[in-house]
Amino acid sequence: MHERDHRKPTVNKSATGPLALYVHWPFCVSKCPYCDFNSHVREQVDLVAWQAALLADMAHEAALTPGRKLSSIFFGGGTPSLMPPALVETLIAAAERLWGFEENTEITLEANPSSVEAANFHDLAEAGVNRVSLGLQSLDDQTLEFLGRAHDVEEGLAALDTAQQAFDRVSFDLIYARPGQSLEDWQKELDRALSFGTGHLSLYQLTIEPGTRFETLVRTGKLVPADDDHCADLFELNRSIMTAAGLPAYEISNHAKPGQESRHNLTYWRYEDYVGIGPGAHGRRLDSATERHKKPENFLSAVERNGNGLKVEQALSPETRAMEALMMGLRLAEGVDLDALAEKTGLAAAQMVDQKSVNHLSGLGLLDAAGGRLTISPRGMPLLDALLPKIIADI
């Protein structure tokens, strides 16, 4: 631990800047075998109770962040497209009343591409949602079945068409590095995905997360993941195809036309303040970390008992904030401005990064450290998880 006498005073300029708001809706129709998100299947959901709880949780956060406006709202899950549009409208109106909106506030909702949920898209747009993120996941029916998705390709593309009619901005997700997936197959799928003309695509490598059904299948030898070299080749293919199509990677897994980047997710990656409400939601505000109770029933009980769903509220040290900011920011093509981070945390750059490792990795062409900005190179980005422990100082 470094002596505090060597630090600059900590300055939190974000204390008066705009905020992002995350709202977690934890319910799903079924649990996907690769998913480790906080999602739950329930036969019935008491919408009156949930509306009251989310409004109370929101009001608690607003009272702690006076004078700040929202730059974005993100409804995540779970499956927030299962929320009645009237509930979404109520939450958006409450957020605007409690904080106020920045100009052109981005309001995103994650949606499953089923015909039932797509039927609500126009009503959700009327409720105030102006951006939707669709979980298509694949353009192959056999793969969708493997991934445990309830929709097929035809239904998913119909939902995409409805979304493009209803919302100003549309993004969708695809999962790659599936077992048996060749470079040729993936290239064809990407070419087809680009033909739909959305301004944003999220391309996620299939990872085997602890506690999922896929992890059990791998452990018992019934599922063999793609090897690292093949995953790297697929990643490079993503970069070349998407860049050529005018949707370069602005984050390790996210590609967008200029101006179509997710404002909300950039708040996370740039380590700016955001508040999270709903079961299991995390937040970073006023140099503190917050976490809500994860199980839906426990969250409701906490709100009834305390007026909010908080499970953890903990002040973060400058060292922890620097580490988190680097871990998030180095995912971005723009990298991290070390001088700005030093001003925000009160730590000198030498206290945040291992300069010897930075010099070595820079010489290998895996990162760039010019002008006080640290950026992972295109060559280094597939190795990001291995590079981070080398780059970030032992603080």
Protein backbone atom coordinates (compact mmCIF):
# COMPACT_ATOMS: atom_id res chain seq x y z
CA MET A 1 0.00 0.00 0.00
CA HIS A 2 1.37 3.41 -0.96
CA GLU A 3 1.69 6.18 1.61
CA ARG A 4 -1.12 8.71 1.37
CA ASP A 5 1.39 11.58 1.77
CA HIS A 6 2.50 10.98 -1.83
CA ARG A 7 -0.99 11.36 -3.28
CA LYS A 8 -2.68 14.36 -4.77
CA PRO A 9 -5.99 15.30 -3.15
CA THR A 10 -8.83 13.21 -4.53
CA VAL A 11 -11.18 15.22 -6.73
CA ASN A 12 -14.54 13.75 -7.70
CA LYS A 13 -15.70 15.86 -10.61
CA SER A 14 -18.43 13.32 -11.39
CA ALA A 15 -20.33 14.33 -8.23
CA THR A 16 -22.22 16.96 -10.24
CA GLY A 17 -22.13 15.35 -13.69
CA PRO A 18 -24.82 13.31 -15.41
CA LEU A 19 -25.80 9.84 -14.22
CA ALA A 20 -26.84 6.60 -15.87
CA LEU A 21 -29.69 4.54 -14.39
CA TYR A 22 -29.86 0.76 -14.60
CA VAL A 23 -33.17 -1.01 -13.84
CA HIS A 24 -33.05 -4.79 -13.38
CA TRP A 25 -36.09 -6.92 -14.20
CA PRO A 26 -35.12 -10.40 -12.99
CA PHE A 27 -37.79 -12.58 -14.56
CA CYS A 28 -37.50 -14.90 -17.56
CA VAL A 29 -39.75 -17.48 -19.20
CA SER A 30 -36.91 -20.03 -18.94
CA LYS A 31 -33.23 -20.15 -18.01
CA CYS A 32 -30.74 -20.40 -20.90
CA PRO A 33 -27.98 -23.00 -20.41
CA TYR A 34 -25.13 -20.49 -20.91
CA CYS A 35 -26.61 -17.71 -18.76
CA ASP A 36 -25.14 -16.67 -15.40
CA PHE A 37 -27.13 -13.42 -15.11
CA ASN A 38 -29.48 -12.78 -12.21
CA SER A 39 -32.56 -14.26 -13.85
CA HIS A 40 -35.41 -16.20 -12.29
CA VAL A 41 -38.43 -18.15 -13.50
CA ARG A 42 -41.65 -17.48 -11.58
CA GLU A 43 -45.17 -18.66 -12.35
CA GLN A 44 -46.64 -15.35 -11.20
CA VAL A 45 -45.31 -11.82 -10.73
CA ASP A 46 -47.13 -9.29 -8.54
CA LEU A 47 -46.80 -6.25 -10.79
CA VAL A 48 -48.30 -3.86 -8.24
CA ALA A 49 -45.74 -4.89 -5.63
CA TRP A 50 -42.87 -4.68 -8.11
CA GLN A 51 -43.85 -1.24 -9.34
CA ALA A 52 -43.99 0.07 -5.78
CA ALA A 53 -40.64 -1.52 -4.87
CA LEU A 54 -38.79 -0.22 -7.93
CA LEU A 55 -40.19 3.27 -7.44
CA ALA A 56 -39.09 3.27 -3.80
CA ASP A 57 -35.63 2.00 -4.71
CA MET A 58 -35.33 4.69 -7.38
CA ALA A 59 -36.40 7.44 -5.00
CA HIS A 60 -33.75 6.32 -2.48
CA GLU A 61 -30.99 6.72 -5.08
CA ALA A 62 -32.33 10.05 -6.32
CA ALA A 63 -32.21 11.48 -2.80
CA LEU A 64 -28.49 10.65 -2.65
CA THR A 65 -27.66 12.25 -6.02
CA PRO A 66 -29.41 15.66 -5.99
CA GLY A 67 -28.92 18.07 -8.85
CA ARG A 68 -27.81 15.43 -11.33
CA LYS A 69 -29.59 14.56 -14.56
CA LEU A 70 -29.82 11.22 -16.35
CA SER A 71 -27.94 10.72 -19.59
CA SER A 72 -29.28 7.18 -20.06
CA ILE A 73 -31.59 4.51 -18.69
CA PHE A 74 -31.09 0.80 -19.33
CA PHE A 75 -33.71 -1.84 -18.60
CA GLY A 76 -31.82 -5.14 -18.27
CA GLY A 77 -32.49 -8.59 -16.94
CA GLY A 78 -33.73 -11.17 -16.93
CA THR A 79 -36.13 -10.30 -19.72
CA PRO A 80 -37.35 -6.70 -19.37
CA SER A 81 -39.41 -7.00 -22.57
CA LEU A 82 -41.76 -9.09 -20.41
CA MET A 83 -42.54 -5.92 -18.43
CA PRO A 84 -45.91 -4.36 -19.26
CA PRO A 85 -45.36 -1.14 -21.25
CA ALA A 86 -47.41 0.75 -18.65
CA LEU A 87 -44.89 -0.22 -15.95
CA VAL A 88 -41.98 0.86 -18.14
CA GLU A 89 -43.71 4.18 -18.79
CA THR A 90 -44.31 4.70 -15.06
CA LEU A 91 -40.64 4.05 -14.24
CA ILE A 92 -39.39 6.36 -17.00
CA ALA A 93 -41.73 9.14 -15.88
CA ALA A 94 -40.60 8.73 -12.28
CA ALA A 95 -36.93 8.86 -13.32
CA GLU A 96 -37.50 12.08 -15.23
CA ARG A 97 -39.38 13.59 -12.29
CA LEU A 98 -36.70 12.58 -9.75
CA TRP A 99 -33.58 13.52 -11.73
CA GLY A 100 -34.48 15.21 -14.98
CA PHE A 101 -33.11 14.20 -18.37
CA GLU A 102 -30.12 15.38 -20.31
CA GLU A 103 -30.81 16.32 -23.92
CA ASN A 104 -31.41 13.21 -26.04
CA THR A 105 -31.39 10.83 -23.07
CA GLU A 106 -30.86 7.28 -24.32
CA ILE A 107 -33.44 4.80 -22.99
CA THR A 108 -32.60 1.18 -23.84
CA LEU A 109 -34.56 -1.99 -23.17
CA GLU A 110 -33.25 -5.52 -23.64
CA ALA A 111 -35.72 -7.74 -25.46
CA ASN A 112 -36.15 -11.32 -26.49
CA PRO A 113 -37.12 -11.61 -30.17
CA SER A 114 -40.34 -13.53 -29.65
CA SER A 115 -43.58 -12.65 -31.40
CA VAL A 116 -45.32 -12.18 -28.04
CA GLU A 117 -42.80 -9.60 -26.86
CA ALA A 118 -42.47 -7.94 -30.27
CA ALA A 119 -46.20 -7.22 -30.10
CA ASN A 120 -45.39 -4.71 -27.33
CA PHE A 121 -42.59 -2.90 -29.16
CA HIS A 122 -44.70 0.00 -30.46
CA ASP A 123 -46.25 0.46 -27.00
CA LEU A 124 -42.79 0.41 -25.41
CA ALA A 125 -41.68 3.10 -27.86
CA GLU A 126 -44.72 5.15 -26.87
CA ALA A 127 -43.70 4.62 -23.23
CA GLY A 128 -40.39 6.37 -23.92
CA VAL A 129 -37.97 3.61 -24.94
CA ASN A 130 -35.88 4.85 -27.88
CA ARG A 131 -33.34 2.05 -28.21
CA VAL A 132 -33.77 -1.72 -28.07
CA SER A 133 -31.17 -4.46 -27.73
CA LEU A 134 -32.43 -7.75 -29.16
CA GLY A 135 -31.08 -11.12 -28.04
CA LEU A 136 -31.12 -12.82 -31.43
CA GLN A 137 -27.95 -14.79 -30.48
CA SER A 138 -27.79 -16.72 -33.76
CA LEU A 139 -29.15 -16.83 -37.31
CA ASP A 140 -29.17 -20.63 -37.33
CA ASP A 141 -32.08 -22.68 -35.98
CA GLN A 142 -29.95 -25.60 -34.82
CA THR A 143 -27.71 -23.25 -32.86
CA LEU A 144 -30.69 -21.51 -31.27
CA GLU A 145 -31.92 -24.87 -30.06
CA PHE A 146 -28.44 -25.64 -28.68
CA LEU A 147 -28.43 -22.28 -26.86
CA GLY A 148 -31.81 -23.02 -25.32
CA ARG A 149 -33.53 -20.10 -27.01
CA ALA A 150 -37.32 -20.13 -27.32
CA HIS A 151 -37.41 -18.42 -30.73
CA ASP A 152 -36.35 -19.63 -34.16
CA VAL A 153 -34.66 -17.57 -36.88
CA GLU A 154 -37.89 -16.66 -38.66
CA GLU A 155 -39.50 -15.39 -35.48
CA GLY A 156 -36.35 -13.53 -34.48
CA LEU A 157 -36.06 -11.72 -37.80
CA ALA A 158 -39.74 -10.80 -37.69
CA ALA A 159 -39.13 -9.26 -34.26
CA LEU A 160 -36.09 -7.40 -35.63
CA ASP A 161 -38.23 -5.97 -38.43
CA THR A 162 -40.86 -4.83 -35.90
CA ALA A 163 -38.16 -3.30 -33.71
CA GLN A 164 -36.71 -1.34 -36.63
CA GLN A 165 -40.15 0.10 -37.31
CA ALA A 166 -40.81 0.96 -33.66
CA PHE A 167 -37.52 2.32 -32.29
CA ASP A 168 -35.07 5.00 -33.33
CA ARG A 169 -32.08 2.75 -32.63
CA VAL A 170 -31.75 -1.05 -32.71
CA SER A 171 -28.92 -3.36 -31.68
CA PHE A 172 -28.78 -7.12 -31.57
CA ASP A 173 -26.50 -9.76 -30.07
CA LEU A 174 -24.86 -12.75 -31.70
CA ILE A 175 -22.85 -15.48 -29.97
CA TYR A 176 -19.81 -16.97 -31.72
CA ALA A 177 -17.18 -19.63 -30.96
CA ARG A 178 -19.91 -22.22 -30.76
CA PRO A 179 -18.85 -25.88 -30.90
CA GLY A 180 -18.15 -26.90 -34.49
CA GLN A 181 -18.49 -23.36 -35.89
CA SER A 182 -16.11 -22.76 -38.80
CA LEU A 183 -14.68 -19.46 -39.97
CA GLU A 184 -16.65 -19.78 -43.19
CA ASP A 185 -19.93 -20.37 -41.33
CA TRP A 186 -19.35 -17.39 -39.07
CA GLN A 187 -18.43 -15.11 -41.97
CA LYS A 188 -21.68 -15.98 -43.74
CA GLU A 189 -23.64 -15.33 -40.57
CA LEU A 190 -21.94 -11.96 -40.03
CA ASP A 191 -22.57 -10.95 -43.64
CA ARG A 192 -26.24 -11.77 -43.20
CA ALA A 193 -26.39 -9.89 -39.90
CA LEU A 194 -24.93 -6.79 -41.53
CA SER A 195 -27.50 -6.95 -44.32
CA PHE A 196 -30.24 -5.91 -41.87
CA GLY A 197 -28.71 -2.45 -41.51
CA THR A 198 -28.69 -1.94 -37.73
CA GLY A 199 -26.26 0.63 -36.39
CA HIS A 200 -24.95 -1.53 -33.56
CA LEU A 201 -24.00 -5.19 -33.17
CA SER A 202 -22.75 -7.00 -30.06
CA LEU A 203 -20.65 -10.09 -30.82
CA TYR A 204 -20.02 -12.21 -27.73
CA GLN A 205 -17.73 -15.21 -27.54
CA LEU A 206 -19.42 -18.21 -25.96
CA THR A 207 -17.89 -18.59 -22.52
CA ILE A 208 -18.51 -21.40 -20.06
CA GLU A 209 -19.63 -19.72 -16.85
CA PRO A 210 -19.55 -21.46 -13.45
CA GLY A 211 -22.89 -22.74 -12.26
CA THR A 212 -24.49 -22.92 -15.71
CA ARG A 213 -25.79 -26.03 -17.43
CA PHE A 214 -23.07 -25.67 -20.07
CA GLU A 215 -20.42 -25.79 -17.33
CA THR A 216 -21.86 -29.13 -16.19
CA LEU A 217 -21.79 -30.46 -19.75
CA VAL A 218 -18.14 -29.42 -20.18
CA ARG A 219 -17.18 -30.99 -16.85
CA THR A 220 -18.81 -34.29 -17.83
CA GLY A 221 -17.26 -34.29 -21.31
CA LYS A 222 -20.56 -33.82 -23.14
CA LEU A 223 -19.58 -30.39 -24.52
CA VAL A 224 -16.18 -29.43 -25.91
CA PRO A 225 -15.61 -25.65 -26.17
CA ALA A 226 -13.78 -24.11 -29.11
CA ASP A 227 -10.02 -23.94 -28.55
CA ASP A 228 -8.23 -20.66 -27.90
CA ASP A 229 -6.53 -20.41 -31.31
CA HIS A 230 -9.82 -20.85 -33.15
CA CYS A 231 -11.50 -18.28 -30.89
CA ALA A 232 -8.72 -15.82 -31.72
CA ASP A 233 -9.23 -16.42 -35.44
CA LEU A 234 -12.96 -15.79 -35.10
CA PHE A 235 -12.25 -12.62 -33.12
CA GLU A 236 -9.95 -11.32 -35.85
CA LEU A 237 -12.63 -12.10 -38.42
CA ASN A 238 -15.08 -10.00 -36.41
CA ARG A 239 -12.70 -7.06 -36.50
CA SER A 240 -11.96 -7.19 -40.21
CA ILE A 241 -15.55 -7.71 -41.39
CA MET A 242 -17.12 -5.17 -39.06
CA THR A 243 -14.50 -2.49 -39.76
CA ALA A 244 -14.92 -2.95 -43.49
CA ALA A 245 -18.70 -2.59 -43.05
CA GLY A 246 -18.34 0.72 -41.20
CA LEU A 247 -19.07 -0.66 -37.72
CA PRO A 248 -15.65 -0.72 -36.03
CA ALA A 249 -15.18 -2.15 -32.56
CA TYR A 250 -15.43 0.62 -29.97
CA GLU A 251 -15.30 -2.00 -27.20
CA ILE A 252 -13.95 -5.53 -27.22
CA SER A 253 -17.32 -7.10 -28.13
CA ASN A 254 -19.32 -4.12 -29.40
CA HIS A 255 -19.38 -2.63 -32.88
CA ALA A 256 -21.19 0.49 -34.05
CA LYS A 257 -21.53 3.04 -36.76
CA PRO A 258 -20.09 6.38 -35.59
CA GLY A 259 -22.61 7.99 -33.23
CA GLN A 260 -24.48 4.73 -32.61
CA GLU A 261 -22.39 3.57 -29.64
CA SER A 262 -24.31 2.65 -26.48
CA ARG A 263 -24.17 5.75 -24.30
CA HIS A 264 -25.23 3.76 -21.25
CA ASN A 265 -22.58 1.08 -21.59
CA LEU A 266 -19.94 3.72 -22.24
CA THR A 267 -20.77 5.08 -18.80
CA TYR A 268 -19.67 1.74 -17.32
CA TRP A 269 -16.56 1.42 -19.44
CA ARG A 270 -15.49 5.02 -18.84
CA TYR A 271 -16.04 4.49 -15.11
CA GLU A 272 -18.53 7.28 -14.74
CA ASP A 273 -21.30 7.30 -12.13
CA TYR A 274 -24.36 5.10 -12.48
CA VAL A 275 -27.06 3.94 -10.11
CA GLY A 276 -28.58 0.46 -10.19
CA ILE A 277 -32.00 -0.50 -8.87
CA GLY A 278 -33.82 -3.83 -8.81
CA PRO A 279 -32.65 -7.30 -7.71
CA GLY A 280 -28.89 -7.81 -7.86
CA ALA A 281 -28.26 -4.44 -9.53
CA HIS A 282 -24.82 -2.89 -9.00
CA GLY A 283 -24.00 0.80 -8.91
CA ARG A 284 -21.02 3.12 -8.69
CA ARG A 285 -21.85 6.55 -7.35
CA LEU A 286 -20.06 9.14 -5.26
CA ASP A 287 -16.99 6.88 -4.94
CA SER A 288 -19.10 4.08 -3.44
CA ALA A 289 -20.13 0.65 -4.69
CA THR A 290 -23.73 -0.44 -4.24
CA GLU A 291 -25.38 -3.83 -4.68
CA ARG A 292 -29.01 -4.80 -4.28
CA HIS A 293 -30.36 -8.06 -2.82
CA LYS A 294 -30.20 -10.64 -5.59
CA LYS A 295 -33.14 -12.96 -4.98
CA PRO A 296 -36.40 -11.26 -6.01
CA GLU A 297 -38.20 -12.14 -2.79
CA ASN A 298 -35.31 -10.86 -0.66
CA PHE A 299 -35.24 -7.63 -2.64
CA LEU A 300 -38.95 -7.03 -2.03
CA SER A 301 -38.53 -7.76 1.67
CA ALA A 302 -35.61 -5.33 1.93
CA VAL A 303 -37.59 -2.53 0.26
CA GLU A 304 -40.54 -3.15 2.57
CA ARG A 305 -38.22 -3.16 5.59
CA ASN A 306 -35.81 -0.33 4.69
CA GLY A 307 -37.35 1.64 1.85
CA ASN A 308 -34.66 0.41 -0.56
CA GLY A 309 -33.22 -2.86 -1.84
CA LEU A 310 -29.61 -2.26 -0.79
CA LYS A 311 -27.56 -5.21 0.38
CA VAL A 312 -24.12 -3.56 0.17
CA GLU A 313 -23.03 0.09 0.18
CA GLN A 314 -19.27 0.43 0.50
CA ALA A 315 -16.85 3.30 0.03
CA LEU A 316 -14.13 2.48 -2.50
CA SER A 317 -10.49 3.36 -1.95
CA PRO A 318 -8.61 5.32 -4.63
CA GLU A 319 -6.65 2.14 -5.39
CA THR A 320 -9.80 0.10 -5.98
CA ARG A 321 -11.34 2.79 -8.15
CA ALA A 322 -8.17 3.00 -10.24
CA MET A 323 -8.09 -0.78 -10.68
CA GLU A 324 -11.76 -0.93 -11.69
CA ALA A 325 -11.40 2.02 -14.06
CA LEU A 326 -8.46 0.36 -15.82
CA MET A 327 -10.19 -3.01 -16.04
CA MET A 328 -13.24 -1.40 -17.63
CA GLY A 329 -11.56 1.30 -19.69
CA LEU A 330 -8.97 -0.90 -21.37
CA ARG A 331 -11.86 -2.77 -23.01
CA LEU A 332 -12.43 0.35 -25.10
CA ALA A 333 -10.73 1.21 -28.38
CA GLU A 334 -10.15 4.70 -26.93
CA GLY A 335 -8.34 3.26 -23.89
CA VAL A 336 -7.80 5.15 -20.63
CA ASP A 337 -6.53 8.70 -20.09
CA LEU A 338 -4.12 8.14 -17.20
CA ASP A 339 -3.84 11.85 -16.37
CA ALA A 340 -7.62 12.16 -16.05
CA LEU A 341 -7.75 9.00 -13.94
CA ALA A 342 -4.97 10.32 -11.72
CA GLU A 343 -6.94 13.52 -11.13
CA LYS A 344 -10.08 11.51 -10.36
CA THR A 345 -8.43 9.14 -7.88
CA GLY A 346 -5.59 11.20 -6.46
CA LEU A 347 -3.08 8.52 -7.45
CA ALA A 348 -0.09 9.12 -9.68
CA ALA A 349 0.06 7.13 -12.92
CA ALA A 350 3.03 5.17 -11.56
CA GLN A 351 0.84 3.96 -8.70
CA MET A 352 -1.83 2.66 -11.07
CA VAL A 353 0.13 0.81 -13.75
CA ASP A 354 3.25 -1.35 -13.77
CA GLN A 355 5.46 0.79 -15.99
CA LYS A 356 7.98 -1.99 -16.63
CA SER A 357 5.24 -4.28 -17.95
CA VAL A 358 3.69 -1.43 -19.94
CA ASN A 359 7.03 -0.77 -21.64
CA HIS A 360 7.53 -4.47 -22.37
CA LEU A 361 4.03 -5.00 -23.78
CA SER A 362 4.30 -1.79 -25.78
CA GLY A 363 7.50 -3.12 -27.35
CA LEU A 364 5.62 -6.28 -28.34
CA GLY A 365 2.94 -4.21 -30.05
CA LEU A 366 0.22 -5.28 -27.63
CA LEU A 367 -0.55 -1.82 -26.26
CA ASP A 368 0.21 1.84 -26.80
CA ALA A 369 1.13 4.28 -24.04
CA ALA A 370 1.67 7.49 -25.98
CA GLY A 371 0.48 10.89 -24.78
CA GLY A 372 -0.57 9.77 -21.32
CA ARG A 373 -3.24 7.46 -22.73
CA LEU A 374 -3.07 3.68 -22.35
CA THR A 375 -4.68 1.73 -25.20
CA ILE A 376 -4.75 -1.96 -25.98
CA SER A 377 -3.79 -2.57 -29.61
CA PRO A 378 -5.92 -4.67 -31.99
CA ARG A 379 -3.28 -7.39 -31.60
CA GLY A 380 -3.52 -7.24 -27.83
CA MET A 381 -7.30 -7.10 -27.48
CA PRO A 382 -7.86 -10.89 -27.83
CA LEU A 383 -5.37 -11.29 -24.96
CA LEU A 384 -6.97 -8.67 -22.74
CA ASP A 385 -7.77 -10.97 -19.80
CA ALA A 386 -4.13 -12.11 -19.67
CA LEU A 387 -2.74 -8.59 -20.10
CA LEU A 388 -4.73 -6.83 -17.36
CA PRO A 389 -2.92 -8.46 -14.39
CA LYS A 390 0.40 -7.47 -15.94
CA ILE A 391 -0.61 -3.87 -16.62
CA ILE A 392 -2.39 -2.92 -13.41
CA ALA A 393 -0.04 -2.12 -10.54
CA ASP A 394 -0.15 -4.19 -7.37
CA ILE A 395 -2.20 -1.70 -5.40
